[in-house]
Amino acid sequence: MNKIIVLGASPKVWRYSNKAVKELRINNYSVVAVGFRQGMIGDVEILIGMPDVKDVDTISLYIGPVRQKAFYNYIIGLKPRQIIFNPGTENPELMKKARDAGIKVVENCMLMMLKTGTYN
């Protein structure tokens, strides 16, 4: 099964990252929530820092470009098939690094992709 990292996951229920983790779980995806505060989103524990995750298919970004800089090597090093840049996370510098590493770049909303059946 495709493993998806939600980077910027928040325990706050009104945050889109929180909603995305819940929606992914409802759709039976394997989700790894990585954030800045410990907590749970449903049955998924939020991991802090840069956990070593194997077999990552997708990284769905929920952190802005300024905060992303510290994660460049981590994100590229996980070798995901694709990175989804949700609204507000678009970052030409990281997009270029990803493309140069052979990673597909998607500018879209994970929640909308799940709701419309266009996530793949």
Protein backbone atom coordinates (compact mmCIF):
# COMPACT_ATOMS: atom_id res chain seq x y z
CA MET A 1 0.00 0.00 0.00
CA ASN A 2 1.13 3.55 -0.72
CA LYS A 3 2.68 5.22 2.32
CA ILE A 4 1.89 8.92 2.59
CA ILE A 5 3.67 11.40 4.84
CA VAL A 6 1.62 14.40 5.88
CA LEU A 7 4.37 16.90 6.67
CA GLY A 8 3.15 19.65 8.96
CA ALA A 9 0.48 17.51 10.63
CA SER A 10 -1.33 19.28 13.46
CA PRO A 11 -3.40 17.95 16.36
CA LYS A 12 -5.71 20.98 15.89
CA VAL A 13 -8.91 19.65 14.30
CA TRP A 14 -9.56 22.77 12.19
CA ARG A 15 -6.21 22.50 10.38
CA TYR A 16 -6.23 21.11 6.85
CA SER A 17 -3.34 18.79 7.69
CA ASN A 18 -5.48 17.24 10.42
CA LYS A 19 -8.42 16.82 8.03
CA ALA A 20 -6.11 15.28 5.41
CA VAL A 21 -4.78 12.63 7.83
CA LYS A 22 -8.35 11.70 8.81
CA GLU A 23 -9.53 11.56 5.19
CA LEU A 24 -6.55 9.44 4.16
CA ARG A 25 -7.26 6.99 6.99
CA ILE A 26 -10.96 6.84 6.03
CA ASN A 27 -9.75 5.84 2.56
CA ASN A 28 -7.46 3.16 4.09
CA TYR A 29 -4.15 4.75 3.18
CA SER A 30 -1.04 4.14 5.26
CA VAL A 31 -0.31 7.55 6.80
CA VAL A 32 2.68 8.89 8.69
CA ALA A 33 1.93 12.23 10.37
CA VAL A 34 4.99 14.41 10.93
CA GLY A 35 4.56 17.69 12.78
CA PHE A 36 5.89 20.13 15.31
CA ARG A 37 3.67 19.19 18.26
CA GLN A 38 3.02 15.75 19.69
CA GLY A 39 -0.47 14.41 19.63
CA MET A 40 -2.84 12.09 17.85
CA ILE A 41 -5.02 12.47 14.80
CA GLY A 42 -7.53 9.67 15.13
CA ASP A 43 -5.42 6.51 15.30
CA VAL A 44 -2.29 8.19 13.90
CA GLU A 45 0.43 9.45 16.23
CA ILE A 46 2.10 12.70 15.19
CA LEU A 47 5.86 12.15 14.99
CA ILE A 48 8.23 15.03 15.70
CA GLY A 49 11.39 15.92 13.81
CA MET A 50 12.53 13.99 10.77
CA PRO A 51 11.65 10.34 11.36
CA ASP A 52 13.22 7.68 9.19
CA VAL A 53 10.37 6.36 7.07
CA LYS A 54 10.83 3.68 4.44
CA ASP A 55 8.91 3.12 1.21
CA VAL A 56 7.37 6.58 0.98
CA ASP A 57 5.12 7.06 -2.05
CA THR A 58 3.87 10.59 -1.42
CA ILE A 59 4.71 13.57 0.77
CA SER A 60 1.80 15.96 1.21
CA LEU A 61 3.15 19.34 2.37
CA TYR A 62 1.38 21.49 4.93
CA ILE A 63 4.28 23.76 5.88
CA GLY A 64 5.12 27.02 4.17
CA PRO A 65 8.21 27.68 2.05
CA VAL A 66 10.20 29.36 4.84
CA ARG A 67 9.81 26.38 7.17
CA GLN A 68 10.42 23.92 4.33
CA LYS A 69 14.09 24.93 3.94
CA ALA A 70 15.11 22.94 7.02
CA PHE A 71 13.44 19.87 5.49
CA TYR A 72 14.87 19.95 1.94
CA ASN A 73 17.43 17.17 2.48
CA TYR A 74 14.95 15.13 4.51
CA ILE A 75 12.21 15.38 1.88
CA ILE A 76 14.48 14.57 -1.06
CA GLY A 77 16.28 11.86 0.95
CA LEU A 78 13.02 9.96 1.52
CA LYS A 79 12.85 9.48 -2.26
CA PRO A 80 9.08 9.78 -2.59
CA ARG A 81 7.43 9.18 -5.96
CA GLN A 82 5.70 12.54 -5.66
CA ILE A 83 5.33 15.64 -3.51
CA ILE A 84 1.97 17.36 -3.25
CA PHE A 85 2.28 21.10 -2.71
CA ASN A 86 -1.02 22.04 -1.08
CA PRO A 87 -2.25 25.65 -1.44
CA GLY A 88 0.13 28.00 0.35
CA THR A 89 3.08 25.60 0.24
CA GLU A 90 4.20 26.26 -3.33
CA ASN A 91 7.98 26.69 -3.42
CA PRO A 92 9.89 26.98 -6.72
CA GLU A 93 13.22 26.15 -5.04
CA LEU A 94 12.00 22.86 -3.53
CA MET A 95 10.01 22.05 -6.67
CA LYS A 96 13.20 22.32 -8.74
CA LYS A 97 15.18 20.19 -6.27
CA ALA A 98 12.43 17.56 -6.40
CA ARG A 99 12.24 17.52 -10.19
CA ASP A 100 16.05 17.32 -10.42
CA ALA A 101 15.87 14.25 -8.15
CA GLY A 102 13.24 12.62 -10.39
CA ILE A 103 10.34 13.30 -8.02
CA LYS A 104 6.96 14.21 -9.47
CA VAL A 105 5.72 17.65 -8.36
CA VAL A 106 1.98 18.17 -7.92
CA GLU A 107 0.40 21.53 -7.11
CA ASN A 108 -3.02 20.61 -5.77
CA CYS A 109 -5.10 20.15 -2.64
CA MET A 110 -4.85 16.69 -1.12
CA LEU A 111 -8.35 16.93 0.35
CA MET A 112 -9.87 17.85 -3.02
CA MET A 113 -7.90 15.11 -4.77
CA LEU A 114 -9.29 12.55 -2.31
CA LYS A 115 -12.84 13.87 -2.60
CA THR A 116 -12.77 13.88 -6.41
CA GLY A 117 -10.90 10.58 -6.77
CA THR A 118 -7.95 12.20 -8.57
CA TYR A 119 -5.27 11.23 -6.02
CA ASN A 120 -2.99 8.54 -7.42
